[in-house]
Amino acid sequence: SGPDRTEIVVAVEPGAGGTVELEVSY
C-alpha cells in the first residue's frame, strides 16, 4: 500500500556553519 521509498525535501538557509538536527513526523 506504500511506496518503496519516501523522500522529504527541506530547504535550509544557514546563517553560519554548524550542525542541523531535523526531526520528521508524518
PDB file of all heavy atoms in Angstrom:
ATOM      1  N   SER A   1       0.813  -1.217   0.000  1.00  0.00           N
ATOM      2  CA  SER A   1       0.000   0.000   0.000  1.00  0.00           C
ATOM      3  C   SER A   1       0.845   1.264   0.000  1.00  0.00           C
ATOM      4  O   SER A   1       0.322   2.347  -0.193  1.00  0.00           O
ATOM      5  CB  SER A   1      -0.914   0.004   1.234  1.00  0.00           C
ATOM      6  OG  SER A   1      -0.141  -0.046   2.410  1.00  0.00           O
ATOM      7  N   GLY A   2       2.157   1.163   0.246  1.00  0.00           N
ATOM      8  CA  GLY A   2       3.007   2.339   0.309  1.00  0.00           C
ATOM      9  C   GLY A   2       4.142   2.251  -0.685  1.00  0.00           C
ATOM     10  O   GLY A   2       4.415   1.222  -1.270  1.00  0.00           O
ATOM     11  N   PRO A   3       4.873   3.318  -0.903  1.00  0.00           N
ATOM     12  CA  PRO A   3       5.974   3.313  -1.871  1.00  0.00           C
ATOM     13  C   PRO A   3       7.207   2.609  -1.304  1.00  0.00           C
ATOM     14  O   PRO A   3       7.332   2.397  -0.104  1.00  0.00           O
ATOM     15  CB  PRO A   3       6.237   4.800  -2.085  1.00  0.00           C
ATOM     16  CG  PRO A   3       5.823   5.433  -0.793  1.00  0.00           C
ATOM     17  CD  PRO A   3       4.663   4.634  -0.292  1.00  0.00           C
ATOM     18  N   ASP A   4       8.143   2.233  -2.223  1.00  0.00           N
ATOM     19  CA  ASP A   4       9.399   1.641  -1.781  1.00  0.00           C
ATOM     20  C   ASP A   4      10.259   2.676  -1.055  1.00  0.00           C
ATOM     21  O   ASP A   4      11.045   2.350  -0.176  1.00  0.00           O
ATOM     22  CB  ASP A   4      10.177   1.080  -2.980  1.00  0.00           C
ATOM     23  CG  ASP A   4       9.556  -0.206  -3.505  1.00  0.00           C
ATOM     24  OD1 ASP A   4       8.875  -0.898  -2.726  1.00  0.00           O
ATOM     25  OD2 ASP A   4       9.740  -0.487  -4.678  1.00  0.00           O
ATOM     26  N   ARG A   5      10.115   3.899  -1.444  1.00  0.00           N
ATOM     27  CA  ARG A   5      10.983   4.931  -0.899  1.00  0.00           C
ATOM     28  C   ARG A   5      10.174   6.200  -0.671  1.00  0.00           C
ATOM     29  O   ARG A   5       9.335   6.571  -1.479  1.00  0.00           O
ATOM     30  CB  ARG A   5      12.136   5.206  -1.863  1.00  0.00           C
ATOM     31  CG  ARG A   5      13.085   6.296  -1.402  1.00  0.00           C
ATOM     32  CD  ARG A   5      14.206   6.472  -2.406  1.00  0.00           C
ATOM     33  NE  ARG A   5      15.098   7.556  -2.042  1.00  0.00           N
ATOM     34  CZ  ARG A   5      16.123   7.956  -2.781  1.00  0.00           C
ATOM     35  NH1 ARG A   5      16.372   7.342  -3.926  1.00  0.00           N
ATOM     36  NH2 ARG A   5      16.885   8.950  -2.386  1.00  0.00           N
ATOM     37  N   THR A   6      10.425   6.846   0.472  1.00  0.00           N
ATOM     38  CA  THR A   6       9.783   8.119   0.779  1.00  0.00           C
ATOM     39  C   THR A   6      10.865   9.185   0.872  1.00  0.00           C
ATOM     40  O   THR A   6      11.878   8.988   1.554  1.00  0.00           O
ATOM     41  CB  THR A   6       9.005   8.040   2.105  1.00  0.00           C
ATOM     42  OG1 THR A   6       8.027   7.020   2.004  1.00  0.00           O
ATOM     43  CG2 THR A   6       8.331   9.367   2.407  1.00  0.00           C
ATOM     44  N   GLU A   7      10.662  10.280   0.191  1.00  0.00           N
ATOM     45  CA  GLU A   7      11.663  11.342   0.154  1.00  0.00           C
ATOM     46  C   GLU A   7      11.087  12.617   0.751  1.00  0.00           C
ATOM     47  O   GLU A   7       9.942  12.993   0.476  1.00  0.00           O
ATOM     48  CB  GLU A   7      12.107  11.591  -1.289  1.00  0.00           C
ATOM     49  CG  GLU A   7      13.199  12.655  -1.416  1.00  0.00           C
ATOM     50  CD  GLU A   7      13.636  12.837  -2.859  1.00  0.00           C
ATOM     51  OE1 GLU A   7      14.441  12.016  -3.350  1.00  0.00           O
ATOM     52  OE2 GLU A   7      13.130  13.785  -3.491  1.00  0.00           O
ATOM     53  N   ILE A   8      11.855  13.262   1.605  1.00  0.00           N
ATOM     54  CA  ILE A   8      11.464  14.532   2.215  1.00  0.00           C
ATOM     55  C   ILE A   8      12.491  15.578   1.801  1.00  0.00           C
ATOM     56  O   ILE A   8      13.706  15.387   1.977  1.00  0.00           O
ATOM     57  CB  ILE A   8      11.402  14.424   3.744  1.00  0.00           C
ATOM     58  CG1 ILE A   8      10.365  13.378   4.163  1.00  0.00           C
ATOM     59  CG2 ILE A   8      11.082  15.779   4.366  1.00  0.00           C
ATOM     60  CD1 ILE A   8      10.327  13.125   5.642  1.00  0.00           C
ATOM     61  N   VAL A   9      12.030  16.672   1.222  1.00  0.00           N
ATOM     62  CA  VAL A   9      12.908  17.748   0.759  1.00  0.00           C
ATOM     63  C   VAL A   9      12.745  18.937   1.696  1.00  0.00           C
ATOM     64  O   VAL A   9      11.620  19.426   1.910  1.00  0.00           O
ATOM     65  CB  VAL A   9      12.577  18.144  -0.694  1.00  0.00           C
ATOM     66  CG1 VAL A   9      13.478  19.291  -1.143  1.00  0.00           C
ATOM     67  CG2 VAL A   9      12.724  16.937  -1.619  1.00  0.00           C
ATOM     68  N   VAL A  10      13.823  19.394   2.291  1.00  0.00           N
ATOM     69  CA  VAL A  10      13.811  20.518   3.227  1.00  0.00           C
ATOM     70  C   VAL A  10      14.786  21.580   2.715  1.00  0.00           C
ATOM     71  O   VAL A  10      15.954  21.275   2.430  1.00  0.00           O
ATOM     72  CB  VAL A  10      14.208  20.071   4.644  1.00  0.00           C
ATOM     73  CG1 VAL A  10      14.203  21.265   5.592  1.00  0.00           C
ATOM     74  CG2 VAL A  10      13.288  18.973   5.136  1.00  0.00           C
ATOM     75  N   ALA A  11      14.316  22.802   2.589  1.00  0.00           N
ATOM     76  CA  ALA A  11      15.182  23.928   2.181  1.00  0.00           C
ATOM     77  C   ALA A  11      15.753  24.587   3.423  1.00  0.00           C
ATOM     78  O   ALA A  11      15.014  24.992   4.318  1.00  0.00           O
ATOM     79  CB  ALA A  11      14.385  24.929   1.359  1.00  0.00           C
ATOM     80  N   VAL A  12      17.067  24.648   3.515  1.00  0.00           N
ATOM     81  CA  VAL A  12      17.745  25.221   4.682  1.00  0.00           C
ATOM     82  C   VAL A  12      18.613  26.389   4.226  1.00  0.00           C
ATOM     83  O   VAL A  12      19.373  26.276   3.261  1.00  0.00           O
ATOM     84  CB  VAL A  12      18.620  24.152   5.390  1.00  0.00           C
ATOM     85  CG1 VAL A  12      19.350  24.781   6.567  1.00  0.00           C
ATOM     86  CG2 VAL A  12      17.766  22.977   5.829  1.00  0.00           C
ATOM     87  N   GLU A  13      18.469  27.504   4.921  1.00  0.00           N
ATOM     88  CA  GLU A  13      19.292  28.675   4.620  1.00  0.00           C
ATOM     89  C   GLU A  13      20.110  29.003   5.866  1.00  0.00           C
ATOM     90  O   GLU A  13      19.660  29.728   6.755  1.00  0.00           O
ATOM     91  CB  GLU A  13      18.412  29.861   4.230  1.00  0.00           C
ATOM     92  CG  GLU A  13      19.215  31.084   3.789  1.00  0.00           C
ATOM     93  CD  GLU A  13      18.311  32.211   3.336  1.00  0.00           C
ATOM     94  OE1 GLU A  13      17.093  31.971   3.174  1.00  0.00           O
ATOM     95  OE2 GLU A  13      18.802  33.327   3.156  1.00  0.00           O
ATOM     96  N   PRO A  14      21.301  28.426   5.965  1.00  0.00           N
ATOM     97  CA  PRO A  14      22.086  28.614   7.191  1.00  0.00           C
ATOM     98  C   PRO A  14      22.639  30.029   7.287  1.00  0.00           C
ATOM     99  O   PRO A  14      23.039  30.632   6.298  1.00  0.00           O
ATOM    100  CB  PRO A  14      23.205  27.581   7.043  1.00  0.00           C
ATOM    101  CG  PRO A  14      23.376  27.441   5.564  1.00  0.00           C
ATOM    102  CD  PRO A  14      22.015  27.625   4.968  1.00  0.00           C
ATOM    103  N   GLY A  15      22.645  30.559   8.479  1.00  0.00           N
ATOM    104  CA  GLY A  15      23.255  31.862   8.696  1.00  0.00           C
ATOM    105  C   GLY A  15      24.744  31.738   8.907  1.00  0.00           C
ATOM    106  O   GLY A  15      25.506  32.656   8.631  1.00  0.00           O
ATOM    107  N   ALA A  16      25.156  30.584   9.419  1.00  0.00           N
ATOM    108  CA  ALA A  16      26.580  30.327   9.652  1.00  0.00           C
ATOM    109  C   ALA A  16      26.770  28.819   9.640  1.00  0.00           C
ATOM    110  O   ALA A  16      25.807  28.043   9.653  1.00  0.00           O
ATOM    111  CB  ALA A  16      27.013  30.928  10.988  1.00  0.00           C
ATOM    112  N   GLY A  17      27.997  28.386   9.617  1.00  0.00           N
ATOM    113  CA  GLY A  17      28.280  26.964   9.618  1.00  0.00           C
ATOM    114  C   GLY A  17      27.878  26.320  10.939  1.00  0.00           C
ATOM    115  O   GLY A  17      27.837  26.972  11.982  1.00  0.00           O
ATOM    116  N   GLY A  18      27.576  25.046  10.914  1.00  0.00           N
ATOM    117  CA  GLY A  18      27.182  24.346  12.128  1.00  0.00           C
ATOM    118  C   GLY A  18      26.454  23.059  11.805  1.00  0.00           C
ATOM    119  O   GLY A  18      26.349  22.645  10.647  1.00  0.00           O
ATOM    120  N   THR A  19      25.915  22.422  12.837  1.00  0.00           N
ATOM    121  CA  THR A  19      25.192  21.155  12.699  1.00  0.00           C
ATOM    122  C   THR A  19      23.699  21.412  12.811  1.00  0.00           C
ATOM    123  O   THR A  19      23.257  22.145  13.713  1.00  0.00           O
ATOM    124  CB  THR A  19      25.629  20.152  13.779  1.00  0.00           C
ATOM    125  OG1 THR A  19      27.038  19.929  13.659  1.00  0.00           O
ATOM    126  CG2 THR A  19      24.894  18.829  13.612  1.00  0.00           C
ATOM    127  N   VAL A  20      22.959  20.827  11.923  1.00  0.00           N
ATOM    128  CA  VAL A  20      21.497  20.966  11.923  1.00  0.00           C
ATOM    129  C   VAL A  20      20.876  19.604  12.246  1.00  0.00           C
ATOM    130  O   VAL A  20      21.217  18.591  11.612  1.00  0.00           O
ATOM    131  CB  VAL A  20      20.983  21.472  10.561  1.00  0.00           C
ATOM    132  CG1 VAL A  20      19.462  21.526  10.567  1.00  0.00           C
ATOM    133  CG2 VAL A  20      21.569  22.835  10.258  1.00  0.00           C
ATOM    134  N   GLU A  21      20.003  19.567  13.223  1.00  0.00           N
ATOM    135  CA  GLU A  21      19.310  18.337  13.587  1.00  0.00           C
ATOM    136  C   GLU A  21      17.838  18.487  13.230  1.00  0.00           C
ATOM    137  O   GLU A  21      17.189  19.443  13.676  1.00  0.00           O
ATOM    138  CB  GLU A  21      19.468  18.039  15.075  1.00  0.00           C
ATOM    139  CG  GLU A  21      18.787  16.746  15.505  1.00  0.00           C
ATOM    140  CD  GLU A  21      19.019  16.430  16.978  1.00  0.00           C
ATOM    141  OE1 GLU A  21      20.012  16.942  17.553  1.00  0.00           O
ATOM    142  OE2 GLU A  21      18.203  15.697  17.546  1.00  0.00           O
ATOM    143  N   LEU A  22      17.320  17.598  12.423  1.00  0.00           N
ATOM    144  CA  LEU A  22      15.932  17.646  11.971  1.00  0.00           C
ATOM    145  C   LEU A  22      15.152  16.476  12.549  1.00  0.00           C
ATOM    146  O   LEU A  22      15.647  15.339  12.600  1.00  0.00           O
ATOM    147  CB  LEU A  22      15.868  17.597  10.443  1.00  0.00           C
ATOM    148  CG  LEU A  22      16.552  18.732   9.684  1.00  0.00           C
ATOM    149  CD1 LEU A  22      16.441  18.498   8.183  1.00  0.00           C
ATOM    150  CD2 LEU A  22      15.950  20.078  10.062  1.00  0.00           C
ATOM    151  N   GLU A  23      13.928  16.740  12.964  1.00  0.00           N
ATOM    152  CA  GLU A  23      13.009  15.688  13.427  1.00  0.00           C
ATOM    153  C   GLU A  23      11.797  15.705  12.513  1.00  0.00           C
ATOM    154  O   GLU A  23      11.143  16.735  12.355  1.00  0.00           O
ATOM    155  CB  GLU A  23      12.590  15.931  14.878  1.00  0.00           C
ATOM    156  CG  GLU A  23      11.638  14.870  15.395  1.00  0.00           C
ATOM    157  CD  GLU A  23      11.280  15.085  16.861  1.00  0.00           C
ATOM    158  OE1 GLU A  23      12.163  15.549  17.624  1.00  0.00           O
ATOM    159  OE2 GLU A  23      10.121  14.817  17.218  1.00  0.00           O
ATOM    160  N   VAL A  24      11.509  14.573  11.910  1.00  0.00           N
ATOM    161  CA  VAL A  24      10.446  14.477  10.920  1.00  0.00           C
ATOM    162  C   VAL A  24       9.327  13.586  11.468  1.00  0.00           C
ATOM    163  O   VAL A  24       9.585  12.510  12.008  1.00  0.00           O
ATOM    164  CB  VAL A  24      10.974  13.888   9.591  1.00  0.00           C
ATOM    165  CG1 VAL A  24       9.842  13.748   8.586  1.00  0.00           C
ATOM    166  CG2 VAL A  24      12.087  14.760   9.040  1.00  0.00           C
ATOM    167  N   SER A  25       8.116  14.055  11.352  1.00  0.00           N
ATOM    168  CA  SER A  25       6.953  13.237  11.727  1.00  0.00           C
ATOM    169  C   SER A  25       5.955  13.262  10.582  1.00  0.00           C
ATOM    170  O   SER A  25       5.808  14.270   9.891  1.00  0.00           O
ATOM    171  CB  SER A  25       6.304  13.765  13.017  1.00  0.00           C
ATOM    172  OG  SER A  25       5.814  15.073  12.821  1.00  0.00           O
ATOM    173  N   TYR A  26       5.283  12.137  10.371  1.00  0.00           N
ATOM    174  CA  TYR A  26       4.311  12.046   9.292  1.00  0.00           C
ATOM    175  C   TYR A  26       3.307  10.953   9.620  1.00  0.00           C
ATOM    176  O   TYR A  26       3.552  10.088  10.478  1.00  0.00           O
ATOM    177  CB  TYR A  26       4.994  11.762   7.949  1.00  0.00           C
ATOM    178  CG  TYR A  26       5.872  10.527   7.933  1.00  0.00           C
ATOM    179  CD1 TYR A  26       5.378   9.306   7.498  1.00  0.00           C
ATOM    180  CD2 TYR A  26       7.203  10.616   8.344  1.00  0.00           C
ATOM    181  CE1 TYR A  26       6.195   8.175   7.488  1.00  0.00           C
ATOM    182  CE2 TYR A  26       8.019   9.499   8.326  1.00  0.00           C
ATOM    183  CZ  TYR A  26       7.513   8.270   7.897  1.00  0.00           C
ATOM    184  OH  TYR A  26       8.299   7.160   7.891  1.00  0.00           O
TER     185      TYR A  26
END
